[in-house]
PDB file of N, CA and C in Angstrom:
ATOM      1  N   UNK A   1     173.431  51.243  19.952  1.00  0.00           N
ATOM      2  CA  UNK A   1     173.129  52.353  19.080  1.00  0.00           C
ATOM      3  C   UNK A   1     173.625  52.090  17.669  1.00  0.00           C
ATOM      4  N   UNK A   2     174.759  51.459  17.572  1.00  0.00           N
ATOM      5  CA  UNK A   2     175.326  51.177  16.269  1.00  0.00           C
ATOM      6  C   UNK A   2     174.442  50.228  15.461  1.00  0.00           C
ATOM      7  N   UNK A   3     173.875  49.224  16.102  1.00  0.00           N
ATOM      8  CA  UNK A   3     173.017  48.262  15.398  1.00  0.00           C
ATOM      9  C   UNK A   3     171.725  48.923  14.911  1.00  0.00           C
ATOM     10  N   UNK A   4     171.202  49.889  15.667  1.00  0.00           N
ATOM     11  CA  UNK A   4     169.984  50.565  15.212  1.00  0.00           C
ATOM     12  C   UNK A   4     170.266  51.405  13.961  1.00  0.00           C
ATOM     13  N   UNK A   5     171.431  52.012  13.882  1.00  0.00           N
ATOM     14  CA  UNK A   5     171.809  52.767  12.695  1.00  0.00           C
ATOM     15  C   UNK A   5     171.931  51.835  11.494  1.00  0.00           C
ATOM     16  N   UNK A   6     172.537  50.679  11.713  1.00  0.00           N
ATOM     17  CA  UNK A   6     172.673  49.695  10.637  1.00  0.00           C
ATOM     18  C   UNK A   6     171.299  49.231  10.169  1.00  0.00           C
ATOM     19  N   UNK A   7     170.373  49.050  11.097  1.00  0.00           N
ATOM     20  CA  UNK A   7     169.018  48.623  10.754  1.00  0.00           C
ATOM     21  C   UNK A   7     168.337  49.668   9.885  1.00  0.00           C
ATOM     22  N   UNK A   8     168.455  50.940  10.230  1.00  0.00           N
ATOM     23  CA  UNK A   8     167.841  52.010   9.443  1.00  0.00           C
ATOM     24  C   UNK A   8     168.461  52.098   8.049  1.00  0.00           C
ATOM     25  N   UNK A   9     169.772  51.947   7.969  1.00  0.00           N
ATOM     26  CA  UNK A   9     170.446  52.004   6.667  1.00  0.00           C
ATOM     27  C   UNK A   9     170.075  50.811   5.797  1.00  0.00           C
ATOM     28  N   UNK A  10     169.953  49.639   6.383  1.00  0.00           N
ATOM     29  CA  UNK A  10     169.607  48.457   5.592  1.00  0.00           C
ATOM     30  C   UNK A  10     168.201  48.584   5.018  1.00  0.00           C
ATOM     31  N   UNK A  11     167.295  49.188   5.731  1.00  0.00           N
ATOM     32  CA  UNK A  11     165.947  49.412   5.209  1.00  0.00           C
ATOM     33  C   UNK A  11     166.005  50.343   4.003  1.00  0.00           C
ATOM     34  N   UNK A  12     166.835  51.381   4.073  1.00  0.00           N
ATOM     35  CA  UNK A  12     166.988  52.320   2.969  1.00  0.00           C
ATOM     36  C   UNK A  12     167.540  51.620   1.730  1.00  0.00           C
ATOM     37  N   UNK A  13     168.547  50.768   1.926  1.00  0.00           N
ATOM     38  CA  UNK A  13     169.154  50.052   0.794  1.00  0.00           C
ATOM     39  C   UNK A  13     168.149  49.109   0.169  1.00  0.00           C
ATOM     40  N   UNK A  14     167.383  48.399   0.967  1.00  0.00           N
ATOM     41  CA  UNK A  14     166.388  47.477   0.437  1.00  0.00           C
ATOM     42  C   UNK A  14     165.341  48.217  -0.375  1.00  0.00           C
ATOM     43  N   UNK A  15     164.888  49.369   0.100  1.00  0.00           N
ATOM     44  CA  UNK A  15     163.905  50.166  -0.654  1.00  0.00           C
ATOM     45  C   UNK A  15     164.482  50.605  -1.985  1.00  0.00           C
ATOM     46  N   UNK A  16     165.735  51.012  -1.969  1.00  0.00           N
ATOM     47  CA  UNK A  16     166.371  51.492  -3.196  1.00  0.00           C
ATOM     48  C   UNK A  16     166.483  50.370  -4.220  1.00  0.00           C
ATOM     49  N   UNK A  17     166.794  49.139  -3.777  1.00  0.00           N
ATOM     50  CA  UNK A  17     166.897  48.015  -4.688  1.00  0.00           C
ATOM     51  C   UNK A  17     165.554  47.685  -5.331  1.00  0.00           C
ATOM     52  N   UNK A  18     164.470  47.901  -4.611  1.00  0.00           N
ATOM     53  CA  UNK A  18     163.155  47.607  -5.152  1.00  0.00           C
ATOM     54  C   UNK A  18     162.708  48.625  -6.198  1.00  0.00           C
ATOM     55  N   UNK A  19     163.269  49.817  -6.171  1.00  0.00           N
ATOM     56  CA  UNK A  19     162.885  50.869  -7.109  1.00  0.00           C
ATOM     57  C   UNK A  19     163.781  50.843  -8.341  1.00  0.00           C
ATOM     58  N   UNK A  20     163.521  49.926  -9.255  1.00  0.00           N
ATOM     59  CA  UNK A  20     164.292  49.833 -10.490  1.00  0.00           C
ATOM     60  C   UNK A  20     163.826  50.925 -11.432  1.00  0.00           C
ATOM     61  N   UNK A  21     164.766  51.648 -12.009  1.00  0.00           N
ATOM     62  CA  UNK A  21     164.423  52.762 -12.888  1.00  0.00           C
ATOM     63  C   UNK A  21     164.022  52.309 -14.280  1.00  0.00           C
ATOM     64  N   UNK A  22     164.546  51.212 -14.736  1.00  0.00           N
ATOM     65  CA  UNK A  22     164.252  50.763 -16.090  1.00  0.00           C
ATOM     66  C   UNK A  22     162.885  50.102 -16.148  1.00  0.00           C
ATOM     67  N   UNK A  23     162.214  50.321 -17.269  1.00  0.00           N
ATOM     68  CA  UNK A  23     160.904  49.727 -17.457  1.00  0.00           C
ATOM     69  C   UNK A  23     160.961  48.263 -17.837  1.00  0.00           C
ATOM     70  N   UNK A  24     162.082  47.832 -18.429  1.00  0.00           N
ATOM     71  CA  UNK A  24     162.238  46.431 -18.795  1.00  0.00           C
ATOM     72  C   UNK A  24     163.685  46.002 -18.582  1.00  0.00           C
ATOM     73  N   UNK A  25     163.890  44.723 -18.357  1.00  0.00           N
ATOM     74  CA  UNK A  25     165.195  44.190 -18.034  1.00  0.00           C
ATOM     75  C   UNK A  25     166.116  44.230 -19.248  1.00  0.00           C
ATOM     76  N   UNK A  26     167.352  44.701 -19.027  1.00  0.00           N
ATOM     77  CA  UNK A  26     168.359  44.694 -20.090  1.00  0.00           C
ATOM     78  C   UNK A  26     169.046  43.337 -20.102  1.00  0.00           C
ATOM     79  N   UNK A  27     169.217  42.779 -21.299  1.00  0.00           N
ATOM     80  CA  UNK A  27     169.844  41.475 -21.461  1.00  0.00           C
ATOM     81  C   UNK A  27     171.119  41.615 -22.269  1.00  0.00           C
ATOM     82  N   UNK A  28     172.180  40.967 -21.805  1.00  0.00           N
ATOM     83  CA  UNK A  28     173.413  40.947 -22.568  1.00  0.00           C
ATOM     84  C   UNK A  28     173.320  39.802 -23.569  1.00  0.00           C
ATOM     85  N   UNK A  29     173.609  40.074 -24.838  1.00  0.00           N
ATOM     86  CA  UNK A  29     173.556  38.989 -25.824  1.00  0.00           C
ATOM     87  C   UNK A  29     174.554  37.889 -25.488  1.00  0.00           C
ATOM     88  N   UNK A  30     174.128  36.645 -25.661  1.00  0.00           N
ATOM     89  CA  UNK A  30     174.992  35.500 -25.394  1.00  0.00           C
ATOM     90  C   UNK A  30     176.069  35.426 -26.475  1.00  0.00           C
ATOM     91  N   UNK A  31     175.702  35.724 -27.702  1.00  0.00           N
ATOM     92  CA  UNK A  31     176.623  35.691 -28.827  1.00  0.00           C
ATOM     93  C   UNK A  31     176.881  37.115 -29.320  1.00  0.00           C
ATOM     94  N   UNK A  32     177.842  37.244 -30.173  1.00  0.00           N
ATOM     95  CA  UNK A  32     178.214  38.535 -30.743  1.00  0.00           C
ATOM     96  C   UNK A  32     177.077  39.076 -31.613  1.00  0.00           C
ATOM     97  N   UNK A  33     176.526  40.205 -31.220  1.00  0.00           N
ATOM     98  CA  UNK A  33     175.440  40.839 -31.959  1.00  0.00           C
ATOM     99  C   UNK A  33     175.950  42.142 -32.547  1.00  0.00           C
ATOM    100  N   UNK A  34     175.834  42.262 -33.864  1.00  0.00           N
ATOM    101  CA  UNK A  34     176.329  43.445 -34.554  1.00  0.00           C
ATOM    102  C   UNK A  34     175.235  44.478 -34.734  1.00  0.00           C
ATOM    103  N   UNK A  35     175.673  45.712 -34.851  1.00  0.00           N
ATOM    104  CA  UNK A  35     174.759  46.820 -35.110  1.00  0.00           C
ATOM    105  C   UNK A  35     175.416  47.718 -36.147  1.00  0.00           C
ATOM    106  N   UNK A  36     174.698  48.041 -37.199  1.00  0.00           N
ATOM    107  CA  UNK A  36     175.199  48.935 -38.234  1.00  0.00           C
ATOM    108  C   UNK A  36     174.530  50.291 -38.063  1.00  0.00           C
ATOM    109  N   UNK A  37     175.360  51.342 -37.995  1.00  0.00           N
ATOM    110  CA  UNK A  37     174.863  52.705 -37.838  1.00  0.00           C
ATOM    111  C   UNK A  37     175.271  53.493 -39.071  1.00  0.00           C
ATOM    112  N   UNK A  38     174.329  54.166 -39.717  1.00  0.00           N
ATOM    113  CA  UNK A  38     174.704  54.964 -40.891  1.00  0.00           C
ATOM    114  C   UNK A  38     175.670  56.078 -40.502  1.00  0.00           C
ATOM    115  N   UNK A  39     176.678  56.287 -41.334  1.00  0.00           N
ATOM    116  CA  UNK A  39     177.592  57.403 -41.127  1.00  0.00           C
ATOM    117  C   UNK A  39     177.523  58.277 -42.381  1.00  0.00           C
ATOM    118  N   UNK A  40     178.549  58.986 -42.681  1.00  0.00           N
ATOM    119  CA  UNK A  40     178.501  59.897 -43.822  1.00  0.00           C
ATOM    120  C   UNK A  40     178.328  59.141 -45.140  1.00  0.00           C
ATOM    121  N   UNK A  41     177.442  59.635 -45.984  1.00  0.00           N
ATOM    122  CA  UNK A  41     177.207  59.033 -47.295  1.00  0.00           C
ATOM    123  C   UNK A  41     176.547  57.674 -47.198  1.00  0.00           C
ATOM    124  N   UNK A  42     177.040  56.735 -47.994  1.00  0.00           N
ATOM    125  CA  UNK A  42     176.477  55.385 -48.053  1.00  0.00           C
ATOM    126  C   UNK A  42     177.122  54.438 -47.040  1.00  0.00           C
ATOM    127  N   UNK A  43     178.181  54.883 -46.374  1.00  0.00           N
ATOM    128  CA  UNK A  43     178.909  54.018 -45.450  1.00  0.00           C
ATOM    129  C   UNK A  43     178.132  53.799 -44.159  1.00  0.00           C
ATOM    130  N   UNK A  44     178.436  52.660 -43.519  1.00  0.00           N
ATOM    131  CA  UNK A  44     177.848  52.350 -42.217  1.00  0.00           C
ATOM    132  C   UNK A  44     178.952  51.964 -41.260  1.00  0.00           C
ATOM    133  N   UNK A  45     178.809  52.371 -40.022  1.00  0.00           N
ATOM    134  CA  UNK A  45     179.757  52.026 -38.974  1.00  0.00           C
ATOM    135  C   UNK A  45     179.264  50.760 -38.276  1.00  0.00           C
ATOM    136  N   UNK A  46     180.148  49.792 -38.095  1.00  0.00           N
ATOM    137  CA  UNK A  46     179.796  48.552 -37.413  1.00  0.00           C
ATOM    138  C   UNK A  46     180.153  48.667 -35.940  1.00  0.00           C
ATOM    139  N   UNK A  47     179.200  48.351 -35.075  1.00  0.00           N
ATOM    140  CA  UNK A  47     179.405  48.377 -33.629  1.00  0.00           C
ATOM    141  C   UNK A  47     178.918  47.064 -33.028  1.00  0.00           C
ATOM    142  N   UNK A  48     179.156  46.880 -31.746  1.00  0.00           N
ATOM    143  CA  UNK A  48     178.675  45.704 -31.025  1.00  0.00           C
ATOM    144  C   UNK A  48     177.581  46.110 -30.049  1.00  0.00           C
ATOM    145  N   UNK A  49     176.621  45.231 -29.871  1.00  0.00           N
ATOM    146  CA  UNK A  49     175.557  45.462 -28.897  1.00  0.00           C
ATOM    147  C   UNK A  49     176.064  45.020 -27.529  1.00  0.00           C
ATOM    148  N   UNK A  50     176.047  45.936 -26.570  1.00  0.00           N
ATOM    149  CA  UNK A  50     176.466  45.623 -25.199  1.00  0.00           C
ATOM    150  C   UNK A  50     175.311  44.987 -24.435  1.00  0.00           C
ATOM    151  N   UNK A  51     174.126  45.603 -24.506  1.00  0.00           N
ATOM    152  CA  UNK A  51     172.922  45.009 -23.929  1.00  0.00           C
ATOM    153  C   UNK A  51     171.707  45.542 -24.661  1.00  0.00           C
ATOM    154  N   UNK A  52     170.606  44.822 -24.525  1.00  0.00           N
ATOM    155  CA  UNK A  52     169.386  45.178 -25.248  1.00  0.00           C
ATOM    156  C   UNK A  52     168.174  44.811 -24.400  1.00  0.00           C
ATOM    157  N   UNK A  53     167.121  45.579 -24.547  1.00  0.00           N
ATOM    158  CA  UNK A  53     165.843  45.275 -23.897  1.00  0.00           C
ATOM    159  C   UNK A  53     164.743  45.642 -24.881  1.00  0.00           C
ATOM    160  N   UNK A  54     163.514  45.496 -24.456  1.00  0.00           N
ATOM    161  CA  UNK A  54     162.396  45.873 -25.313  1.00  0.00           C
ATOM    162  C   UNK A  54     162.353  47.376 -25.549  1.00  0.00           C
ATOM    163  N   UNK A  55     162.881  48.159 -24.610  1.00  0.00           N
ATOM    164  CA  UNK A  55     162.765  49.614 -24.707  1.00  0.00           C
ATOM    165  C   UNK A  55     164.048  50.338 -25.069  1.00  0.00           C
ATOM    166  N   UNK A  56     165.192  49.648 -25.047  1.00  0.00           N
ATOM    167  CA  UNK A  56     166.428  50.356 -25.339  1.00  0.00           C
ATOM    168  C   UNK A  56     167.597  49.442 -25.637  1.00  0.00           C
ATOM    169  N   UNK A  57     168.722  50.077 -25.978  1.00  0.00           N
ATOM    170  CA  UNK A  57     169.918  49.339 -26.352  1.00  0.00           C
ATOM    171  C   UNK A  57     171.150  50.139 -25.936  1.00  0.00           C
ATOM    172  N   UNK A  58     172.233  49.422 -25.628  1.00  0.00           N
ATOM    173  CA  UNK A  58     173.530  50.049 -25.365  1.00  0.00           C
ATOM    174  C   UNK A  58     174.524  49.464 -26.353  1.00  0.00           C
ATOM    175  N   UNK A  59     175.296  50.340 -26.998  1.00  0.00           N
ATOM    176  CA  UNK A  59     176.215  49.934 -28.054  1.00  0.00           C
ATOM    177  C   UNK A  59     177.636  50.353 -27.719  1.00  0.00           C
ATOM    178  N   UNK A  60     178.609  49.574 -28.170  1.00  0.00           N
ATOM    179  CA  UNK A  60     180.017  49.951 -28.062  1.00  0.00           C
ATOM    180  C   UNK A  60     180.390  50.624 -29.371  1.00  0.00           C
ATOM    181  N   UNK A  61     180.523  51.945 -29.355  1.00  0.00           N
ATOM    182  CA  UNK A  61     180.776  52.702 -30.572  1.00  0.00           C
ATOM    183  C   UNK A  61     182.172  53.320 -30.555  1.00  0.00           C
ATOM    184  N   UNK A  62     182.678  53.646 -31.741  1.00  0.00           N
ATOM    185  CA  UNK A  62     183.977  54.315 -31.859  1.00  0.00           C
ATOM    186  C   UNK A  62     183.853  55.815 -31.642  1.00  0.00           C
ATOM    187  N   UNK A  63     182.673  56.368 -31.907  1.00  0.00           N
ATOM    188  CA  UNK A  63     182.444  57.804 -31.790  1.00  0.00           C
ATOM    189  C   UNK A  63     181.392  58.091 -30.727  1.00  0.00           C
ATOM    190  N   UNK A  64     181.469  59.286 -30.157  1.00  0.00           N
ATOM    191  CA  UNK A  64     180.449  59.732 -29.205  1.00  0.00           C
ATOM    192  C   UNK A  64     179.280  60.341 -29.967  1.00  0.00           C
ATOM    193  N   UNK A  65     178.093  60.156 -29.456  1.00  0.00           N
ATOM    194  CA  UNK A  65     176.890  60.756 -30.027  1.00  0.00           C
ATOM    195  C   UNK A  65     176.254  61.648 -28.971  1.00  0.00           C
ATOM    196  N   UNK A  66     175.814  62.810 -29.381  1.00  0.00           N
ATOM    197  CA  UNK A  66     175.200  63.758 -28.454  1.00  0.00           C
ATOM    198  C   UNK A  66     173.834  63.256 -28.004  1.00  0.00           C
ATOM    199  N   UNK A  67     173.468  63.501 -26.750  1.00  0.00           N
ATOM    200  CA  UNK A  67     172.123  63.138 -26.293  1.00  0.00           C
ATOM    201  C   UNK A  67     171.069  63.812 -27.167  1.00  0.00           C
ATOM    202  N   UNK A  68     170.037  63.052 -27.505  1.00  0.00           N
ATOM    203  CA  UNK A  68     168.979  63.567 -28.357  1.00  0.00           C
ATOM    204  C   UNK A  68     169.162  63.220 -29.826  1.00  0.00           C
ATOM    205  N   UNK A  69     170.328  62.690 -30.196  1.00  0.00           N
ATOM    206  CA  UNK A  69     170.575  62.287 -31.578  1.00  0.00           C
ATOM    207  C   UNK A  69     169.699  61.095 -31.924  1.00  0.00           C
ATOM    208  N   UNK A  70     169.082  61.122 -33.090  1.00  0.00           N
ATOM    209  CA  UNK A  70     168.248  60.014 -33.556  1.00  0.00           C
ATOM    210  C   UNK A  70     169.071  59.163 -34.512  1.00  0.00           C
ATOM    211  N   UNK A  71     169.268  57.907 -34.156  1.00  0.00           N
ATOM    212  CA  UNK A  71     170.030  56.973 -34.986  1.00  0.00           C
ATOM    213  C   UNK A  71     169.105  55.912 -35.544  1.00  0.00           C
ATOM    214  N   UNK A  72     169.225  55.627 -36.824  1.00  0.00           N
ATOM    215  CA  UNK A  72     168.525  54.481 -37.421  1.00  0.00           C
ATOM    216  C   UNK A  72     169.546  53.355 -37.466  1.00  0.00           C
ATOM    217  N   UNK A  73     169.308  52.324 -36.685  1.00  0.00           N
ATOM    218  CA  UNK A  73     170.273  51.232 -36.559  1.00  0.00           C
ATOM    219  C   UNK A  73     169.727  49.963 -37.187  1.00  0.00           C
ATOM    220  N   UNK A  74     170.648  49.118 -37.633  1.00  0.00           N
ATOM    221  CA  UNK A  74     170.310  47.795 -38.148  1.00  0.00           C
ATOM    222  C   UNK A  74     170.977  46.782 -37.246  1.00  0.00           C
ATOM    223  N   UNK A  75     170.192  46.019 -36.501  1.00  0.00           N
ATOM    224  CA  UNK A  75     170.699  44.994 -35.588  1.00  0.00           C
ATOM    225  C   UNK A  75     170.704  43.655 -36.313  1.00  0.00           C
ATOM    226  N   UNK A  76     171.807  42.900 -36.179  1.00  0.00           N
ATOM    227  CA  UNK A  76     171.947  41.611 -36.853  1.00  0.00           C
ATOM    228  C   UNK A  76     172.437  40.588 -35.838  1.00  0.00           C
ATOM    229  N   UNK A  77     171.733  39.448 -35.732  1.00  0.00           N
ATOM    230  CA  UNK A  77     172.182  38.425 -34.782  1.00  0.00           C
ATOM    231  C   UNK A  77     173.407  37.696 -35.332  1.00  0.00           C
ATOM    232  N   UNK A  78     174.074  36.925 -34.473  1.00  0.00           N
ATOM    233  CA  UNK A  78     175.347  36.314 -34.850  1.00  0.00           C
ATOM    234  C   UNK A  78     175.230  35.363 -36.040  1.00  0.00           C
ATOM    235  N   UNK A  79     174.175  34.600 -36.108  1.00  0.00           N
ATOM    236  CA  UNK A  79     174.031  33.627 -37.196  1.00  0.00           C
ATOM    237  C   UNK A  79     173.509  34.268 -38.487  1.00  0.00           C
ATOM    238  N   UNK A  80     173.255  35.569 -38.454  1.00  0.00           N
ATOM    239  CA  UNK A  80     172.763  36.315 -39.627  1.00  0.00           C
ATOM    240  C   UNK A  80     171.440  35.746 -40.161  1.00  0.00           C
ATOM    241  N   UNK A  81     170.605  35.258 -39.249  1.00  0.00           N
ATOM    242  CA  UNK A  81     169.293  34.745 -39.638  1.00  0.00           C
ATOM    243  C   UNK A  81     168.169  35.723 -39.323  1.00  0.00           C
ATOM    244  N   UNK A  82     168.495  36.792 -38.581  1.00  0.00           N
ATOM    245  CA  UNK A  82     167.482  37.774 -38.195  1.00  0.00           C
ATOM    246  C   UNK A  82     168.115  39.151 -38.133  1.00  0.00           C
ATOM    247  N   UNK A  83     167.425  40.113 -38.707  1.00  0.00           N
ATOM    248  CA  UNK A  83     167.884  41.506 -38.606  1.00  0.00           C
ATOM    249  C   UNK A  83     166.676  42.393 -38.326  1.00  0.00           C
ATOM    250  N   UNK A  84     166.960  43.553 -37.773  1.00  0.00           N
ATOM    251  CA  UNK A  84     165.891  44.455 -37.373  1.00  0.00           C
ATOM    252  C   UNK A  84     166.386  45.896 -37.515  1.00  0.00           C
ATOM    253  N   UNK A  85     165.603  46.722 -38.175  1.00  0.00           N
ATOM    254  CA  UNK A  85     165.907  48.143 -38.273  1.00  0.00           C
ATOM    255  C   UNK A  85     165.064  48.869 -37.236  1.00  0.00           C
ATOM    256  N   UNK A  86     165.713  49.758 -36.473  1.00  0.00           N
ATOM    257  CA  UNK A  86     165.007  50.493 -35.424  1.00  0.00           C
ATOM    258  C   UNK A  86     165.595  51.889 -35.289  1.00  0.00           C
ATOM    259  N   UNK A  87     164.766  52.815 -34.795  1.00  0.00           N
ATOM    260  CA  UNK A  87     165.211  54.166 -34.502  1.00  0.00           C
ATOM    261  C   UNK A  87     165.512  54.261 -33.012  1.00  0.00           C
ATOM    262  N   UNK A  88     166.673  54.839 -32.689  1.00  0.00           N
ATOM    263  CA  UNK A  88     167.123  54.941 -31.303  1.00  0.00           C
ATOM    264  C   UNK A  88     167.404  56.401 -30.971  1.00  0.00           C
ATOM    265  N   UNK A  89     166.816  56.890 -29.882  1.00  0.00           N
ATOM    266  CA  UNK A  89     167.132  58.221 -29.351  1.00  0.00           C
ATOM    267  C   UNK A  89     168.279  58.066 -28.362  1.00  0.00           C
ATOM    268  N   UNK A  90     169.416  58.705 -28.642  1.00  0.00           N
ATOM    269  CA  UNK A  90     170.584  58.591 -27.772  1.00  0.00           C
ATOM    270  C   UNK A  90     170.310  59.313 -26.456  1.00  0.00           C
ATOM    271  N   UNK A  91     170.582  58.630 -25.352  1.00  0.00           N
ATOM    272  CA  UNK A  91     170.411  59.196 -24.016  1.00  0.00           C
ATOM    273  C   UNK A  91     171.754  59.637 -23.452  1.00  0.00           C
ATOM    274  N   UNK A  92     172.782  58.783 -23.647  1.00  0.00           N
ATOM    275  CA  UNK A  92     174.120  59.134 -23.147  1.00  0.00           C
ATOM    276  C   UNK A  92     175.169  58.402 -23.960  1.00  0.00           C
ATOM    277  N   UNK A  93     176.376  58.977 -23.935  1.00  0.00           N
ATOM    278  CA  UNK A  93     177.527  58.375 -24.589  1.00  0.00           C
ATOM    279  C   UNK A  93     178.722  58.588 -23.654  1.00  0.00           C
ATOM    280  N   UNK A  94     179.218  57.495 -23.068  1.00  0.00           N
ATOM    281  CA  UNK A  94     180.268  57.556 -22.047  1.00  0.00           C
ATOM    282  C   UNK A  94     181.541  56.911 -22.585  1.00  0.00           C
ATOM    283  N   UNK A  95     182.676  57.584 -22.400  1.00  0.00           N
ATOM    284  CA  UNK A  95     183.964  57.041 -22.861  1.00  0.00           C
ATOM    285  C   UNK A  95     184.387  55.889 -21.961  1.00  0.00           C
ATOM    286  N   UNK A  96     184.722  54.758 -22.594  1.00  0.00           N
ATOM    287  CA  UNK A  96     185.194  53.557 -21.904  1.00  0.00           C
ATOM    288  C   UNK A  96     186.486  53.112 -22.589  1.00  0.00           C
ATOM    289  N   UNK A  97     187.614  53.505 -22.077  1.00  0.00           N
ATOM    290  CA  UNK A  97     188.951  53.245 -22.631  1.00  0.00           C
ATOM    291  C   UNK A  97     189.038  53.685 -24.097  1.00  0.00           C
ATOM    292  N   UNK A  98     189.067  52.745 -25.041  1.00  0.00           N
ATOM    293  CA  UNK A  98     189.257  53.113 -26.442  1.00  0.00           C
ATOM    294  C   UNK A  98     187.958  53.209 -27.245  1.00  0.00           C
ATOM    295  N   UNK A  99     186.811  53.085 -26.598  1.00  0.00           N
ATOM    296  CA  UNK A  99     185.521  53.213 -27.295  1.00  0.00           C
ATOM    297  C   UNK A  99     184.520  53.941 -26.394  1.00  0.00           C
ATOM    298  N   UNK A 100     183.314  54.114 -26.892  1.00  0.00           N
ATOM    299  CA  UNK A 100     182.250  54.767 -26.144  1.00  0.00           C
ATOM    300  C   UNK A 100     181.119  53.765 -25.912  1.00  0.00           C
ATOM    301  N   UNK A 101     180.467  53.885 -24.779  1.00  0.00           N
ATOM    302  CA  UNK A 101     179.249  53.131 -24.512  1.00  0.00           C
ATOM    303  C   UNK A 101     178.104  54.096 -24.753  1.00  0.00           C
ATOM    304  N   UNK A 102     177.388  53.876 -25.841  1.00  0.00           N
ATOM    305  CA  UNK A 102     176.290  54.754 -26.242  1.00  0.00           C
ATOM    306  C   UNK A 102     174.980  54.042 -25.944  1.00  0.00           C
ATOM    307  N   UNK A 103     174.156  54.643 -25.101  1.00  0.00           N
ATOM    308  CA  UNK A 103     172.881  54.052 -24.703  1.00  0.00           C
ATOM    309  C   UNK A 103     171.736  54.918 -25.189  1.00  0.00           C
ATOM    310  N   UNK A 104     170.653  54.263 -25.572  1.00  0.00           N
ATOM    311  CA  UNK A 104     169.493  55.009 -26.037  1.00  0.00           C
ATOM    312  C   UNK A 104     168.228  54.199 -25.925  1.00  0.00           C
ATOM    313  N   UNK A 105     167.123  54.867 -26.142  1.00  0.00           N
ATOM    314  CA  UNK A 105     165.819  54.201 -26.076  1.00  0.00           C
ATOM    315  C   UNK A 105     165.243  54.089 -27.481  1.00  0.00           C
ATOM    316  N   UNK A 106     164.544  52.991 -27.713  1.00  0.00           N
ATOM    317  CA  UNK A 106     163.896  52.791 -29.002  1.00  0.00           C
ATOM    318  C   UNK A 106     162.710  53.737 -29.121  1.00  0.00           C
ATOM    319  N   UNK A 107     162.487  54.279 -30.320  1.00  0.00           N
ATOM    320  CA  UNK A 107     161.331  55.137 -30.559  1.00  0.00           C
ATOM    321  C   UNK A 107     160.055  54.305 -30.410  1.00  0.00           C
ATOM    322  N   UNK A 108     160.090  53.081 -30.934  1.00  0.00           N
ATOM    323  CA  UNK A 108     158.972  52.140 -30.803  1.00  0.00           C
ATOM    324  C   UNK A 108     159.481  50.942 -30.002  1.00  0.00           C
ATOM    325  N   UNK A 109     158.892  50.666 -28.840  1.00  0.00           N
ATOM    326  CA  UNK A 109     159.341  49.503 -28.066  1.00  0.00           C
ATOM    327  C   UNK A 109     159.249  48.227 -28.903  1.00  0.00           C
ATOM    328  N   UNK A 110     160.228  47.353 -28.731  1.00  0.00           N
ATOM    329  CA  UNK A 110     160.244  46.101 -29.468  1.00  0.00           C
ATOM    330  C   UNK A 110     159.338  45.080 -28.798  1.00  0.00           C
ATOM    331  N   UNK A 111     158.870  44.137 -29.586  1.00  0.00           N
ATOM    332  CA  UNK A 111     158.095  43.034 -29.015  1.00  0.00           C
ATOM    333  C   UNK A 111     159.072  41.990 -28.476  1.00  0.00           C
ATOM    334  N   UNK A 112     158.567  41.089 -27.670  1.00  0.00           N
ATOM    335  CA  UNK A 112     159.400  40.023 -27.112  1.00  0.00           C
ATOM    336  C   UNK A 112     160.017  39.192 -28.238  1.00  0.00           C
ATOM    337  N   UNK A 113     159.244  38.912 -29.269  1.00  0.00           N
ATOM    338  CA  UNK A 113     159.706  38.106 -30.399  1.00  0.00           C
ATOM    339  C   UNK A 113     160.831  38.792 -31.165  1.00  0.00           C
ATOM    340  N   UNK A 114     160.863  40.109 -31.152  1.00  0.00           N
ATOM    341  CA  UNK A 114     161.929  40.848 -31.841  1.00  0.00           C
ATOM    342  C   UNK A 114     163.231  40.849 -31.046  1.00  0.00           C
ATOM    343  N   UNK A 115     163.149  40.743 -29.741  1.00  0.00           N
ATOM    344  CA  UNK A 115     164.344  40.774 -28.893  1.00  0.00           C
ATOM    345  C   UNK A 115     164.998  39.392 -28.790  1.00  0.00           C
ATOM    346  N   UNK A 116     164.201  38.343 -28.760  1.00  0.00           N
ATOM    347  CA  UNK A 116     164.700  36.984 -28.510  1.00  0.00           C
ATOM    348  C   UNK A 116     165.843  36.560 -29.451  1.00  0.00           C
ATOM    349  N   UNK A 117     165.811  36.814 -30.762  1.00  0.00           N
ATOM    350  CA  UNK A 117     166.925  36.361 -31.609  1.00  0.00           C
ATOM    351  C   UNK A 117     168.279  36.978 -31.248  1.00  0.00           C
ATOM    352  N   UNK A 118     168.288  38.094 -30.559  1.00  0.00           N
ATOM    353  CA  UNK A 118     169.544  38.752 -30.201  1.00  0.00           C
ATOM    354  C   UNK A 118     170.116  38.287 -28.865  1.00  0.00           C
ATOM    355  N   UNK A 119     169.322  37.648 -28.034  1.00  0.00           N
ATOM    356  CA  UNK A 119     169.803  37.248 -26.710  1.00  0.00           C
ATOM    357  C   UNK A 119     169.947  35.737 -26.561  1.00  0.00           C
ATOM    358  N   UNK A 120     169.616  34.982 -27.579  1.00  0.00           N
ATOM    359  CA  UNK A 120     169.764  33.515 -27.495  1.00  0.00           C
ATOM    360  C   UNK A 120     171.048  33.074 -28.114  1.00  0.00           C
TER     361      UNK A 120
END
């Protein structure tokens, strides 16, 4: 009886693994990728990109952002040879020790060519 229960549970776990919620794979940048977020006035806050995909990004920020906040971000690769300005709708902001992990979706999905400079 115990093995039949395990069999039923394993089928459930396998089905759950096949149902990925994200539309595209998130990639962690190999090198340090910076993101500039406008703050009050002319100043910009510098953050790090935790992961990025064609449809969204997760950032390590010093401040929390409310869900639904629209951020205009400037992404810069480590070698400073490529930058990209994008609008991000904040989905969540979770406290992680001394910073926040702020995740959001891009208003306009990025092309593959736009993502590649940040993950190589």
